[in-house]
Amino acid sequence: MGSGQFGLTMLWVVGVTNAMNLMDNMDGLAGGTAVISAFFYFMIALFNGQYLVGLLGATVMGGSLGFLIYNLRPGYIFLGDCGSLLLGFVLAAMGIKLRFLGYDKEITWMIPVLVMGMPLLDTGLVIWSRVRRGVNPLTTPGKDHLSHRLLLLGLGRLGVLAVIYTGSIVLGATAFMIKSASYGMAYTALAAVLALAGLSVILLERVYYAHGGGLK
């Protein structure tokens, strides 16, 4: 592994691990997102002949689903930092362990990124927003996450979960299908996802400022 690959691997592990930790800000959010992400890792690995990786995905999915039953409001148990960081690390590791022999690496790198798209979107939104406000993006607590901003739109807790779960499913399905796509179709899909993500960040930032968040 070259220094560039090592650096990207470390960035992926640290980024996804902390993204799941940041996602754990509402009952049912991190656990439900983990169930969906692990399901798509399981399916992708199964269809790719990586049965051990698939087994790990199924295990994480089942464990997260069992946890989710007791974490939905009113939550009786919670992940905490140790639980969410461990969950994020395992999901990051599964993304690294996926192998796509015979497929174009310039396309397959997108697959784990799309599977973990919602936690990464939340982290990117928080970092961008806090940098704009001149506060430390990593150590400053605040109710400026994706879930909090969706609440400001009046969706309610179940509505927020539905939006984020649906986003995770759509991104996971895109990741599942993109492996066999042509170069042009794969990057068109990626461009569409990035454009939608960028638009969402801009609109949600305006929502936050409209409710006085930018002044805090």
N, C-alpha and C. Protein backbone atom coordinates (compact mmCIF):
# COMPACT_ATOMS: atom_id res chain seq x y z
N MET A 1 0.84 -1.20 0.00
CA MET A 1 0.00 0.00 0.00
C MET A 1 0.87 1.24 0.00
N GLY A 2 0.68 2.12 -0.98
CA GLY A 2 1.44 3.35 -1.04
C GLY A 2 0.98 4.35 -0.01
N SER A 3 1.76 5.44 0.11
CA SER A 3 1.43 6.45 1.11
C SER A 3 0.09 7.12 0.81
N GLY A 4 -0.23 7.30 -0.49
CA GLY A 4 -1.50 7.90 -0.85
C GLY A 4 -2.67 7.02 -0.46
N GLN A 5 -2.56 5.71 -0.74
CA GLN A 5 -3.63 4.78 -0.37
C GLN A 5 -3.78 4.69 1.13
N PHE A 6 -2.64 4.68 1.83
CA PHE A 6 -2.68 4.63 3.30
C PHE A 6 -3.39 5.86 3.86
N GLY A 7 -3.07 7.03 3.31
CA GLY A 7 -3.70 8.26 3.77
C GLY A 7 -5.20 8.27 3.53
N LEU A 8 -5.63 7.80 2.34
CA LEU A 8 -7.05 7.74 2.03
C LEU A 8 -7.77 6.73 2.93
N THR A 9 -7.09 5.62 3.20
CA THR A 9 -7.68 4.61 4.08
C THR A 9 -7.89 5.16 5.48
N MET A 10 -6.88 5.84 5.99
CA MET A 10 -7.00 6.43 7.33
C MET A 10 -8.10 7.49 7.36
N LEU A 11 -8.17 8.30 6.30
CA LEU A 11 -9.21 9.33 6.23
C LEU A 11 -10.60 8.69 6.21
N TRP A 12 -10.73 7.59 5.47
CA TRP A 12 -12.01 6.88 5.41
C TRP A 12 -12.40 6.32 6.77
N VAL A 13 -11.47 5.64 7.43
CA VAL A 13 -11.77 5.02 8.72
C VAL A 13 -12.13 6.07 9.76
N VAL A 14 -11.30 7.09 9.87
CA VAL A 14 -11.56 8.13 10.86
C VAL A 14 -12.85 8.88 10.53
N GLY A 15 -13.05 9.17 9.23
CA GLY A 15 -14.23 9.92 8.82
C GLY A 15 -15.53 9.17 9.08
N VAL A 16 -15.60 7.91 8.67
CA VAL A 16 -16.83 7.14 8.85
C VAL A 16 -17.07 6.83 10.32
N THR A 17 -16.01 6.52 11.05
CA THR A 17 -16.16 6.23 12.48
C THR A 17 -16.77 7.41 13.21
N ASN A 18 -16.25 8.60 12.94
CA ASN A 18 -16.76 9.79 13.61
C ASN A 18 -18.11 10.23 13.04
N ALA A 19 -18.36 9.94 11.76
CA ALA A 19 -19.65 10.28 11.18
C ALA A 19 -20.78 9.54 11.88
N MET A 20 -20.58 8.27 12.19
CA MET A 20 -21.60 7.52 12.92
C MET A 20 -21.76 8.05 14.34
N ASN A 21 -20.67 8.50 14.93
CA ASN A 21 -20.74 9.08 16.27
C ASN A 21 -21.56 10.37 16.24
N LEU A 22 -21.33 11.21 15.23
CA LEU A 22 -22.08 12.46 15.11
C LEU A 22 -23.55 12.20 14.77
N MET A 23 -23.81 11.09 14.09
CA MET A 23 -25.18 10.75 13.69
C MET A 23 -26.02 10.32 14.88
N ASP A 24 -25.39 9.98 15.97
CA ASP A 24 -26.10 9.46 17.14
C ASP A 24 -26.61 10.63 17.98
N ASN A 25 -27.58 11.38 17.44
CA ASN A 25 -28.10 12.54 18.14
C ASN A 25 -29.62 12.51 18.28
N MET A 26 -30.23 11.38 17.95
CA MET A 26 -31.68 11.23 18.07
C MET A 26 -32.00 9.75 18.22
N ASP A 27 -32.99 9.43 19.03
CA ASP A 27 -33.39 8.03 19.19
C ASP A 27 -33.70 7.40 17.83
N GLY A 28 -33.08 6.25 17.56
CA GLY A 28 -33.36 5.51 16.35
C GLY A 28 -32.58 5.94 15.12
N LEU A 29 -31.81 7.01 15.22
CA LEU A 29 -31.16 7.55 14.02
C LEU A 29 -29.91 6.76 13.63
N ALA A 30 -28.94 6.69 14.52
CA ALA A 30 -27.70 5.97 14.20
C ALA A 30 -27.97 4.47 14.03
N GLY A 31 -28.79 3.91 14.90
CA GLY A 31 -29.09 2.48 14.81
C GLY A 31 -29.80 2.12 13.52
N GLY A 32 -30.78 2.92 13.13
CA GLY A 32 -31.51 2.64 11.90
C GLY A 32 -30.66 2.83 10.67
N THR A 33 -29.82 3.86 10.67
CA THR A 33 -28.90 4.08 9.55
C THR A 33 -27.92 2.92 9.43
N ALA A 34 -27.46 2.41 10.57
CA ALA A 34 -26.53 1.28 10.56
C ALA A 34 -27.19 0.02 10.01
N VAL A 35 -28.46 -0.20 10.34
CA VAL A 35 -29.19 -1.35 9.80
C VAL A 35 -29.22 -1.30 8.28
N ILE A 36 -29.54 -0.14 7.73
CA ILE A 36 -29.65 0.02 6.28
C ILE A 36 -28.29 -0.13 5.61
N SER A 37 -27.27 0.53 6.15
CA SER A 37 -25.93 0.44 5.57
C SER A 37 -25.39 -0.99 5.62
N ALA A 38 -25.58 -1.66 6.75
CA ALA A 38 -25.10 -3.03 6.88
C ALA A 38 -25.86 -3.96 5.94
N PHE A 39 -27.14 -3.72 5.72
CA PHE A 39 -27.92 -4.53 4.78
C PHE A 39 -27.34 -4.43 3.37
N PHE A 40 -27.02 -3.23 2.94
CA PHE A 40 -26.49 -3.08 1.59
C PHE A 40 -25.06 -3.64 1.48
N TYR A 41 -24.28 -3.51 2.53
CA TYR A 41 -22.97 -4.17 2.53
C TYR A 41 -23.14 -5.69 2.39
N PHE A 42 -24.11 -6.22 3.12
CA PHE A 42 -24.40 -7.65 3.07
C PHE A 42 -24.79 -8.07 1.65
N MET A 43 -25.69 -7.34 1.02
CA MET A 43 -26.16 -7.68 -0.31
C MET A 43 -25.04 -7.56 -1.34
N ILE A 44 -24.28 -6.49 -1.27
CA ILE A 44 -23.18 -6.28 -2.22
C ILE A 44 -22.13 -7.37 -2.08
N ALA A 45 -21.76 -7.69 -0.84
CA ALA A 45 -20.76 -8.73 -0.61
C ALA A 45 -21.29 -10.09 -1.05
N LEU A 46 -22.56 -10.37 -0.80
CA LEU A 46 -23.15 -11.66 -1.17
C LEU A 46 -23.12 -11.85 -2.68
N PHE A 47 -23.53 -10.84 -3.43
CA PHE A 47 -23.55 -10.94 -4.88
C PHE A 47 -22.14 -10.89 -5.48
N ASN A 48 -21.17 -10.49 -4.66
CA ASN A 48 -19.79 -10.43 -5.12
C ASN A 48 -19.00 -11.67 -4.70
N GLY A 49 -19.66 -12.61 -4.02
CA GLY A 49 -18.99 -13.83 -3.59
C GLY A 49 -18.11 -13.69 -2.37
N GLN A 50 -18.24 -12.58 -1.64
CA GLN A 50 -17.45 -12.38 -0.41
C GLN A 50 -18.33 -12.74 0.79
N TYR A 51 -18.39 -14.01 1.07
CA TYR A 51 -19.35 -14.49 2.05
C TYR A 51 -18.98 -14.13 3.49
N LEU A 52 -17.70 -14.01 3.79
CA LEU A 52 -17.32 -13.62 5.14
C LEU A 52 -17.67 -12.16 5.41
N VAL A 53 -17.43 -11.31 4.40
CA VAL A 53 -17.82 -9.90 4.54
C VAL A 53 -19.34 -9.81 4.63
N GLY A 54 -20.03 -10.61 3.83
CA GLY A 54 -21.48 -10.64 3.90
C GLY A 54 -21.99 -11.08 5.25
N LEU A 55 -21.32 -12.07 5.84
CA LEU A 55 -21.70 -12.54 7.17
C LEU A 55 -21.52 -11.44 8.20
N LEU A 56 -20.42 -10.69 8.08
CA LEU A 56 -20.20 -9.57 9.00
C LEU A 56 -21.30 -8.52 8.83
N GLY A 57 -21.66 -8.25 7.56
CA GLY A 57 -22.74 -7.30 7.32
C GLY A 57 -24.05 -7.76 7.92
N ALA A 58 -24.36 -9.05 7.77
CA ALA A 58 -25.60 -9.59 8.35
C ALA A 58 -25.58 -9.51 9.86
N THR A 59 -24.41 -9.76 10.45
CA THR A 59 -24.27 -9.71 11.92
C THR A 59 -24.50 -8.30 12.44
N VAL A 60 -23.87 -7.32 11.77
CA VAL A 60 -24.04 -5.92 12.18
C VAL A 60 -25.49 -5.48 11.98
N MET A 61 -26.08 -5.92 10.88
CA MET A 61 -27.48 -5.58 10.61
C MET A 61 -28.39 -6.15 11.71
N GLY A 62 -28.21 -7.43 12.02
CA GLY A 62 -29.04 -8.06 13.05
C GLY A 62 -28.84 -7.44 14.42
N GLY A 63 -27.57 -7.20 14.78
CA GLY A 63 -27.29 -6.59 16.07
C GLY A 63 -27.86 -5.19 16.18
N SER A 64 -27.73 -4.42 15.11
CA SER A 64 -28.27 -3.05 15.11
C SER A 64 -29.78 -3.05 15.15
N LEU A 65 -30.40 -4.02 14.47
CA LEU A 65 -31.86 -4.10 14.48
C LEU A 65 -32.36 -4.47 15.87
N GLY A 66 -31.67 -5.40 16.53
CA GLY A 66 -32.04 -5.75 17.90
C GLY A 66 -31.90 -4.57 18.84
N PHE A 67 -30.83 -3.79 18.64
CA PHE A 67 -30.64 -2.59 19.45
C PHE A 67 -31.72 -1.56 19.16
N LEU A 68 -32.06 -1.42 17.87
CA LEU A 68 -33.00 -0.39 17.44
C LEU A 68 -34.36 -0.56 18.10
N ILE A 69 -34.78 -1.80 18.30
CA ILE A 69 -36.08 -2.06 18.92
C ILE A 69 -36.20 -1.37 20.27
N TYR A 70 -35.10 -1.32 21.01
CA TYR A 70 -35.11 -0.73 22.35
C TYR A 70 -34.59 0.71 22.36
N ASN A 71 -34.20 1.21 21.18
CA ASN A 71 -33.67 2.57 21.10
C ASN A 71 -34.67 3.57 20.54
N LEU A 72 -35.71 3.06 19.84
CA LEU A 72 -36.73 3.96 19.34
C LEU A 72 -37.49 4.58 20.51
N ARG A 73 -37.87 5.82 20.34
CA ARG A 73 -38.49 6.57 21.44
C ARG A 73 -39.72 5.85 21.97
N PRO A 74 -39.86 5.76 23.30
CA PRO A 74 -38.86 6.21 24.27
C PRO A 74 -37.69 5.22 24.37
N GLY A 75 -36.48 5.71 24.18
CA GLY A 75 -35.32 4.83 24.18
C GLY A 75 -35.01 4.31 25.57
N TYR A 76 -34.75 3.01 25.65
CA TYR A 76 -34.37 2.40 26.93
C TYR A 76 -32.87 2.16 27.00
N ILE A 77 -32.23 2.00 25.85
CA ILE A 77 -30.77 1.84 25.81
C ILE A 77 -30.23 2.76 24.72
N PHE A 78 -28.96 3.11 24.84
CA PHE A 78 -28.36 4.07 23.94
C PHE A 78 -26.96 3.61 23.55
N LEU A 79 -26.50 4.03 22.38
CA LEU A 79 -25.17 3.64 21.92
C LEU A 79 -24.08 4.31 22.75
N GLY A 80 -24.20 5.60 22.98
CA GLY A 80 -23.12 6.34 23.61
C GLY A 80 -21.93 6.44 22.66
N ASP A 81 -20.88 7.10 23.09
CA ASP A 81 -19.70 7.27 22.23
C ASP A 81 -19.06 5.93 21.90
N CYS A 82 -18.94 5.06 22.88
CA CYS A 82 -18.28 3.76 22.65
C CYS A 82 -19.06 2.93 21.63
N GLY A 83 -20.37 2.91 21.74
CA GLY A 83 -21.17 2.11 20.82
C GLY A 83 -21.17 2.67 19.42
N SER A 84 -21.36 3.99 19.28
CA SER A 84 -21.43 4.59 17.94
C SER A 84 -20.07 4.57 17.25
N LEU A 85 -19.00 4.78 17.99
CA LEU A 85 -17.66 4.74 17.40
C LEU A 85 -17.31 3.32 16.94
N LEU A 86 -17.67 2.33 17.74
CA LEU A 86 -17.42 0.94 17.35
C LEU A 86 -18.22 0.59 16.10
N LEU A 87 -19.48 0.99 16.07
CA LEU A 87 -20.34 0.72 14.93
C LEU A 87 -19.78 1.39 13.67
N GLY A 88 -19.34 2.64 13.81
CA GLY A 88 -18.76 3.34 12.67
C GLY A 88 -17.49 2.69 12.18
N PHE A 89 -16.66 2.22 13.10
CA PHE A 89 -15.41 1.57 12.71
C PHE A 89 -15.68 0.28 11.94
N VAL A 90 -16.63 -0.51 12.41
CA VAL A 90 -16.94 -1.77 11.72
C VAL A 90 -17.51 -1.51 10.34
N LEU A 91 -18.38 -0.51 10.20
CA LEU A 91 -18.92 -0.16 8.89
C LEU A 91 -17.84 0.36 7.96
N ALA A 92 -16.90 1.12 8.49
CA ALA A 92 -15.78 1.59 7.68
C ALA A 92 -14.92 0.42 7.22
N ALA A 93 -14.68 -0.53 8.12
CA ALA A 93 -13.87 -1.70 7.79
C ALA A 93 -14.53 -2.55 6.71
N MET A 94 -15.85 -2.68 6.77
CA MET A 94 -16.54 -3.45 5.73
C MET A 94 -16.39 -2.80 4.37
N GLY A 95 -16.42 -1.47 4.33
CA GLY A 95 -16.23 -0.77 3.07
C GLY A 95 -14.86 -1.03 2.48
N ILE A 96 -13.85 -1.15 3.34
CA ILE A 96 -12.49 -1.42 2.88
C ILE A 96 -12.34 -2.86 2.40
N LYS A 97 -13.03 -3.79 3.07
CA LYS A 97 -12.87 -5.21 2.75
C LYS A 97 -13.59 -5.64 1.48
N LEU A 98 -14.51 -4.83 0.98
CA LEU A 98 -15.18 -5.18 -0.27
C LEU A 98 -14.18 -5.23 -1.42
N ARG A 99 -14.27 -6.26 -2.24
CA ARG A 99 -13.40 -6.42 -3.40
C ARG A 99 -14.27 -6.60 -4.64
N PHE A 100 -13.82 -6.00 -5.74
CA PHE A 100 -14.61 -6.06 -6.98
C PHE A 100 -13.69 -6.47 -8.13
N LEU A 101 -13.30 -7.74 -8.12
CA LEU A 101 -12.41 -8.25 -9.16
C LEU A 101 -13.11 -8.23 -10.51
N GLY A 102 -12.42 -7.71 -11.49
CA GLY A 102 -12.97 -7.66 -12.83
C GLY A 102 -13.79 -6.41 -13.11
N TYR A 103 -13.94 -5.55 -12.12
CA TYR A 103 -14.69 -4.31 -12.32
C TYR A 103 -13.75 -3.12 -12.24
N ASP A 104 -14.16 -2.02 -12.82
CA ASP A 104 -13.33 -0.82 -12.91
C ASP A 104 -13.21 -0.15 -11.54
N LYS A 105 -11.98 0.00 -11.05
CA LYS A 105 -11.75 0.63 -9.75
C LYS A 105 -12.16 2.10 -9.75
N GLU A 106 -12.16 2.71 -10.93
CA GLU A 106 -12.57 4.10 -11.02
C GLU A 106 -14.08 4.27 -10.81
N ILE A 107 -14.79 3.16 -10.75
CA ILE A 107 -16.22 3.18 -10.45
C ILE A 107 -16.50 2.59 -9.08
N THR A 108 -15.86 1.48 -8.76
CA THR A 108 -16.22 0.75 -7.53
C THR A 108 -15.85 1.49 -6.25
N TRP A 109 -14.94 2.49 -6.33
CA TRP A 109 -14.61 3.24 -5.12
C TRP A 109 -15.83 3.99 -4.59
N MET A 110 -16.79 4.26 -5.50
CA MET A 110 -17.98 5.01 -5.10
C MET A 110 -18.90 4.20 -4.19
N ILE A 111 -18.83 2.86 -4.27
CA ILE A 111 -19.83 2.01 -3.62
C ILE A 111 -19.88 2.21 -2.11
N PRO A 112 -18.76 2.06 -1.36
CA PRO A 112 -18.86 2.29 0.08
C PRO A 112 -19.18 3.73 0.44
N VAL A 113 -18.73 4.67 -0.39
CA VAL A 113 -19.03 6.08 -0.12
C VAL A 113 -20.53 6.33 -0.20
N LEU A 114 -21.19 5.74 -1.20
CA LEU A 114 -22.64 5.90 -1.33
C LEU A 114 -23.39 5.18 -0.21
N VAL A 115 -22.93 3.99 0.16
CA VAL A 115 -23.58 3.25 1.25
C VAL A 115 -23.57 4.06 2.54
N MET A 116 -22.47 4.76 2.80
CA MET A 116 -22.35 5.57 4.01
C MET A 116 -22.69 7.03 3.75
N GLY A 117 -23.45 7.29 2.70
CA GLY A 117 -23.68 8.65 2.26
C GLY A 117 -24.37 9.56 3.26
N MET A 118 -25.38 9.07 3.97
CA MET A 118 -26.12 9.94 4.89
C MET A 118 -25.29 10.38 6.09
N PRO A 119 -24.56 9.47 6.76
CA PRO A 119 -23.68 9.95 7.83
C PRO A 119 -22.61 10.92 7.33
N LEU A 120 -22.07 10.66 6.13
CA LEU A 120 -21.06 11.56 5.57
C LEU A 120 -21.66 12.92 5.22
N LEU A 121 -22.90 12.92 4.74
CA LEU A 121 -23.58 14.19 4.45
C LEU A 121 -23.78 14.98 5.73
N ASP A 122 -24.21 14.33 6.79
CA ASP A 122 -24.41 15.00 8.07
C ASP A 122 -23.11 15.61 8.57
N THR A 123 -22.02 14.84 8.50
CA THR A 123 -20.72 15.34 8.96
C THR A 123 -20.25 16.51 8.11
N GLY A 124 -20.39 16.39 6.79
CA GLY A 124 -19.99 17.48 5.91
C GLY A 124 -20.78 18.75 6.17
N LEU A 125 -22.09 18.61 6.39
CA LEU A 125 -22.94 19.75 6.69
C LEU A 125 -22.51 20.45 7.97
N VAL A 126 -22.27 19.67 9.01
CA VAL A 126 -21.88 20.24 10.31
C VAL A 126 -20.54 20.95 10.21
N ILE A 127 -19.56 20.32 9.57
CA ILE A 127 -18.23 20.93 9.47
C ILE A 127 -18.30 22.23 8.67
N TRP A 128 -18.97 22.20 7.52
CA TRP A 128 -19.08 23.39 6.68
C TRP A 128 -19.78 24.53 7.42
N SER A 129 -20.86 24.20 8.11
CA SER A 129 -21.62 25.22 8.82
C SER A 129 -20.81 25.83 9.95
N ARG A 130 -20.11 25.00 10.70
CA ARG A 130 -19.36 25.52 11.84
C ARG A 130 -18.14 26.32 11.41
N VAL A 131 -17.51 25.92 10.33
CA VAL A 131 -16.39 26.70 9.79
C VAL A 131 -16.88 28.08 9.36
N ARG A 132 -18.03 28.13 8.72
CA ARG A 132 -18.62 29.41 8.30
C ARG A 132 -18.90 30.31 9.49
N ARG A 133 -19.28 29.71 10.61
CA ARG A 133 -19.60 30.49 11.80
C ARG A 133 -18.38 30.79 12.65
N GLY A 134 -17.22 30.30 12.22
CA GLY A 134 -15.98 30.59 12.93
C GLY A 134 -15.82 29.84 14.23
N VAL A 135 -16.43 28.65 14.32
CA VAL A 135 -16.28 27.84 15.53
C VAL A 135 -15.58 26.53 15.17
N ASN A 136 -15.00 25.89 16.17
CA ASN A 136 -14.28 24.64 15.94
C ASN A 136 -15.26 23.58 15.46
N PRO A 137 -15.04 23.02 14.26
CA PRO A 137 -16.02 22.06 13.72
C PRO A 137 -16.03 20.70 14.39
N LEU A 138 -14.96 20.39 15.14
CA LEU A 138 -14.83 19.04 15.70
C LEU A 138 -15.17 18.97 17.19
N THR A 139 -14.97 20.06 17.90
CA THR A 139 -15.15 20.01 19.35
C THR A 139 -16.33 20.84 19.85
N THR A 140 -16.95 21.59 18.96
CA THR A 140 -18.07 22.45 19.37
C THR A 140 -19.39 21.69 19.30
N PRO A 141 -20.06 21.50 20.43
CA PRO A 141 -21.36 20.83 20.39
C PRO A 141 -22.42 21.79 19.86
N GLY A 142 -23.50 21.25 19.37
CA GLY A 142 -24.58 22.12 18.90
C GLY A 142 -25.69 21.32 18.24
N LYS A 143 -26.84 21.93 18.17
CA LYS A 143 -27.99 21.30 17.51
C LYS A 143 -28.06 21.80 16.07
N ASP A 144 -27.02 21.48 15.31
CA ASP A 144 -26.92 21.93 13.93
C ASP A 144 -26.74 20.77 12.96
N HIS A 145 -27.14 19.58 13.41
CA HIS A 145 -27.01 18.40 12.56
C HIS A 145 -28.17 18.31 11.58
N LEU A 146 -28.05 17.39 10.65
CA LEU A 146 -29.09 17.17 9.65
C LEU A 146 -30.44 16.93 10.30
N SER A 147 -30.47 16.10 11.32
CA SER A 147 -31.73 15.78 12.00
C SER A 147 -32.35 17.01 12.66
N HIS A 148 -31.52 17.85 13.29
CA HIS A 148 -32.03 19.05 13.96
C HIS A 148 -32.63 20.03 12.95
N ARG A 149 -31.99 20.15 11.81
CA ARG A 149 -32.48 21.09 10.79
C ARG A 149 -33.79 20.59 10.17
N LEU A 150 -33.90 19.29 10.00
CA LEU A 150 -35.16 18.74 9.50
C LEU A 150 -36.28 18.95 10.51
N LEU A 151 -35.96 18.89 11.79
CA LEU A 151 -36.96 19.20 12.81
C LEU A 151 -37.44 20.64 12.70
N LEU A 152 -36.52 21.56 12.35
CA LEU A 152 -36.88 22.96 12.19
C LEU A 152 -37.87 23.16 11.04
N LEU A 153 -37.88 22.22 10.10
CA LEU A 153 -38.83 22.29 9.00
C LEU A 153 -40.22 21.80 9.41
N GLY A 154 -40.33 21.30 10.64
CA GLY A 154 -41.62 20.86 11.15
C GLY A 154 -41.96 19.42 10.82
N LEU A 155 -40.96 18.61 10.49
CA LEU A 155 -41.24 17.23 10.11
C LEU A 155 -41.65 16.35 11.29
N GLY A 156 -41.15 16.67 12.48
CA GLY A 156 -41.37 15.78 13.61
C GLY A 156 -40.34 14.67 13.62
N ARG A 157 -40.19 14.00 14.76
CA ARG A 157 -39.15 12.99 14.90
C ARG A 157 -39.31 11.85 13.91
N LEU A 158 -40.53 11.32 13.78
CA LEU A 158 -40.75 10.21 12.86
C LEU A 158 -40.54 10.65 11.41
N GLY A 159 -40.89 11.88 11.10
CA GLY A 159 -40.66 12.40 9.76
C GLY A 159 -39.18 12.52 9.45
N VAL A 160 -38.41 12.95 10.44
CA VAL A 160 -36.95 13.06 10.26
C VAL A 160 -36.35 11.68 10.00
N LEU A 161 -36.76 10.70 10.81
CA LEU A 161 -36.26 9.34 10.62
C LEU A 161 -36.64 8.81 9.24
N ALA A 162 -37.87 9.09 8.82
CA ALA A 162 -38.32 8.61 7.51
C ALA A 162 -37.49 9.21 6.38
N VAL A 163 -37.18 10.50 6.47
CA VAL A 163 -36.38 11.16 5.43
C VAL A 163 -34.97 10.59 5.38
N ILE A 164 -34.34 10.44 6.54
CA ILE A 164 -32.96 9.96 6.56
C ILE A 164 -32.88 8.49 6.21
N TYR A 165 -33.82 7.69 6.67
CA TYR A 165 -33.86 6.28 6.28
C TYR A 165 -34.06 6.14 4.78
N THR A 166 -34.98 6.93 4.24
CA THR A 166 -35.24 6.86 2.79
C THR A 166 -34.01 7.26 1.99
N GLY A 167 -33.34 8.32 2.44
CA GLY A 167 -32.10 8.74 1.78
C GLY A 167 -31.05 7.65 1.81
N SER A 168 -30.93 6.97 2.94
CA SER A 168 -29.96 5.88 3.07
C SER A 168 -30.30 4.73 2.13
N ILE A 169 -31.58 4.41 2.01
CA ILE A 169 -32.01 3.32 1.12
C ILE A 169 -31.73 3.68 -0.33
N VAL A 170 -32.05 4.90 -0.72
CA VAL A 170 -31.81 5.33 -2.11
C VAL A 170 -30.32 5.29 -2.44
N LEU A 171 -29.49 5.77 -1.54
CA LEU A 171 -28.04 5.77 -1.78
C LEU A 171 -27.51 4.34 -1.79
N GLY A 172 -28.01 3.49 -0.90
CA GLY A 172 -27.58 2.10 -0.88
C GLY A 172 -27.96 1.37 -2.16
N ALA A 173 -29.19 1.62 -2.65
CA ALA A 173 -29.63 1.00 -3.90
C ALA A 173 -28.79 1.48 -5.08
N THR A 174 -28.43 2.75 -5.07
CA THR A 174 -27.56 3.29 -6.11
C THR A 174 -26.20 2.61 -6.07
N ALA A 175 -25.67 2.43 -4.88
CA ALA A 175 -24.37 1.75 -4.73
C ALA A 175 -24.45 0.31 -5.23
N PHE A 176 -25.58 -0.35 -4.95
CA PHE A 176 -25.74 -1.74 -5.36
C PHE A 176 -25.75 -1.89 -6.88
N MET A 177 -26.36 -0.92 -7.56
CA MET A 177 -26.50 -1.01 -9.01
C MET A 177 -25.32 -0.45 -9.78
N ILE A 178 -24.53 0.40 -9.15
CA ILE A 178 -23.51 1.15 -9.89
C ILE A 178 -22.33 0.28 -10.30
N LYS A 179 -22.15 -0.87 -9.64
CA LYS A 179 -20.99 -1.72 -9.92
C LYS A 179 -20.93 -2.13 -11.38
N SER A 180 -22.07 -2.43 -11.96
CA SER A 180 -22.11 -2.90 -13.34
C SER A 180 -22.45 -1.80 -14.34
N ALA A 181 -22.50 -0.57 -13.88
CA ALA A 181 -22.85 0.54 -14.77
C ALA A 181 -21.66 0.94 -15.63
N SER A 182 -21.95 1.61 -16.72
CA SER A 182 -20.88 2.14 -17.56
C SER A 182 -20.23 3.31 -16.85
N TYR A 183 -19.06 3.67 -17.34
CA TYR A 183 -18.31 4.79 -16.74
C TYR A 183 -19.16 6.06 -16.75
N GLY A 184 -19.78 6.33 -17.91
CA GLY A 184 -20.58 7.54 -18.03
C GLY A 184 -21.77 7.55 -17.10
N MET A 185 -22.48 6.43 -17.01
CA MET A 185 -23.66 6.35 -16.15
C MET A 185 -23.27 6.46 -14.68
N ALA A 186 -22.16 5.82 -14.30
CA ALA A 186 -21.72 5.85 -12.91
C ALA A 186 -21.40 7.28 -12.46
N TYR A 187 -20.67 8.00 -13.29
CA TYR A 187 -20.28 9.36 -12.90
C TYR A 187 -21.44 10.35 -13.06
N THR A 188 -22.38 10.04 -13.93
CA THR A 188 -23.59 10.86 -14.00
C THR A 188 -24.40 10.69 -12.72
N ALA A 189 -24.51 9.45 -12.25
CA ALA A 189 -25.21 9.20 -10.99
C ALA A 189 -24.51 9.88 -9.82
N LEU A 190 -23.18 9.80 -9.81
CA LEU A 190 -22.41 10.45 -8.74
C LEU A 190 -22.60 11.96 -8.77
N ALA A 191 -22.56 12.53 -9.97
CA ALA A 191 -22.75 13.98 -10.10
C ALA A 191 -24.14 14.40 -9.61
N ALA A 192 -25.15 13.58 -9.92
CA ALA A 192 -26.51 13.88 -9.46
C ALA A 192 -26.60 13.82 -7.94
N VAL A 193 -25.96 12.81 -7.34
CA VAL A 193 -25.97 12.68 -5.88
C VAL A 193 -25.26 13.88 -5.25
N LEU A 194 -24.10 14.26 -5.78
CA LEU A 194 -23.35 15.39 -5.22
C LEU A 194 -24.11 16.70 -5.38
N ALA A 195 -24.76 16.86 -6.53
CA ALA A 195 -25.54 18.09 -6.75
C ALA A 195 -26.70 18.17 -5.76
N LEU A 196 -27.39 17.04 -5.56
CA LEU A 196 -28.50 17.02 -4.61
C LEU A 196 -28.01 17.26 -3.19
N ALA A 197 -26.86 16.66 -2.86
CA ALA A 197 -26.29 16.86 -1.53
C ALA A 197 -25.90 18.32 -1.31
N GLY A 198 -25.28 18.93 -2.32
CA GLY A 198 -24.88 20.33 -2.21
C GLY A 198 -26.08 21.24 -2.05
N LEU A 199 -27.13 20.98 -2.83
CA LEU A 199 -28.35 21.78 -2.72
C LEU A 199 -28.98 21.62 -1.34
N SER A 200 -28.98 20.40 -0.83
CA SER A 200 -29.54 20.14 0.49
C SER A 200 -28.78 20.90 1.57
N VAL A 201 -27.45 20.89 1.47
CA VAL A 201 -26.63 21.60 2.44
C VAL A 201 -26.95 23.09 2.43
N ILE A 202 -27.05 23.68 1.24
CA ILE A 202 -27.34 25.11 1.13
C ILE A 202 -28.71 25.44 1.72
N LEU A 203 -29.72 24.66 1.37
CA LEU A 203 -31.07 24.92 1.86
C LEU A 203 -31.17 24.73 3.37
N LEU A 204 -30.53 23.67 3.89
CA LEU A 204 -30.59 23.40 5.32
C LEU A 204 -29.79 24.43 6.12
N GLU A 205 -28.77 24.99 5.51
CA GLU A 205 -28.02 26.06 6.17
C GLU A 205 -28.89 27.32 6.27
N ARG A 206 -29.66 27.59 5.24
CA ARG A 206 -30.57 28.73 5.27
C ARG A 206 -31.66 28.54 6.32
N VAL A 207 -32.14 27.32 6.43
CA VAL A 207 -33.13 27.01 7.45
C VAL A 207 -32.57 27.27 8.85
N TYR A 208 -31.34 26.85 9.06
CA TYR A 208 -30.69 27.03 10.37
C TYR A 208 -30.53 28.51 10.70
N TYR A 209 -30.10 29.30 9.72
CA TYR A 209 -29.93 30.73 9.94
C TYR A 209 -31.27 31.42 10.13
N ALA A 210 -32.28 30.97 9.41
CA ALA A 210 -33.61 31.57 9.52
C ALA A 210 -34.18 31.42 10.93
N HIS A 211 -33.74 30.37 11.64
CA HIS A 211 -34.21 30.12 13.00
C HIS A 211 -33.21 30.61 14.05
N GLY A 212 -32.29 31.48 13.63
CA GLY A 212 -31.35 32.07 14.58
C GLY A 212 -30.15 31.23 14.90
N GLY A 213 -29.98 30.10 14.24
CA GLY A 213 -28.85 29.23 14.56
C GLY A 213 -27.51 29.86 14.25
N GLY A 214 -27.43 30.68 13.22
CA GLY A 214 -26.17 31.30 12.86
C GLY A 214 -25.67 32.31 13.85
N LEU A 215 -26.57 32.71 14.79
CA LEU A 215 -26.18 33.70 15.78
C LEU A 215 -25.69 33.06 17.06
N LYS A 216 -25.74 31.73 17.14
CA LYS A 216 -25.37 31.03 18.38
C LYS A 216 -23.95 30.57 18.33
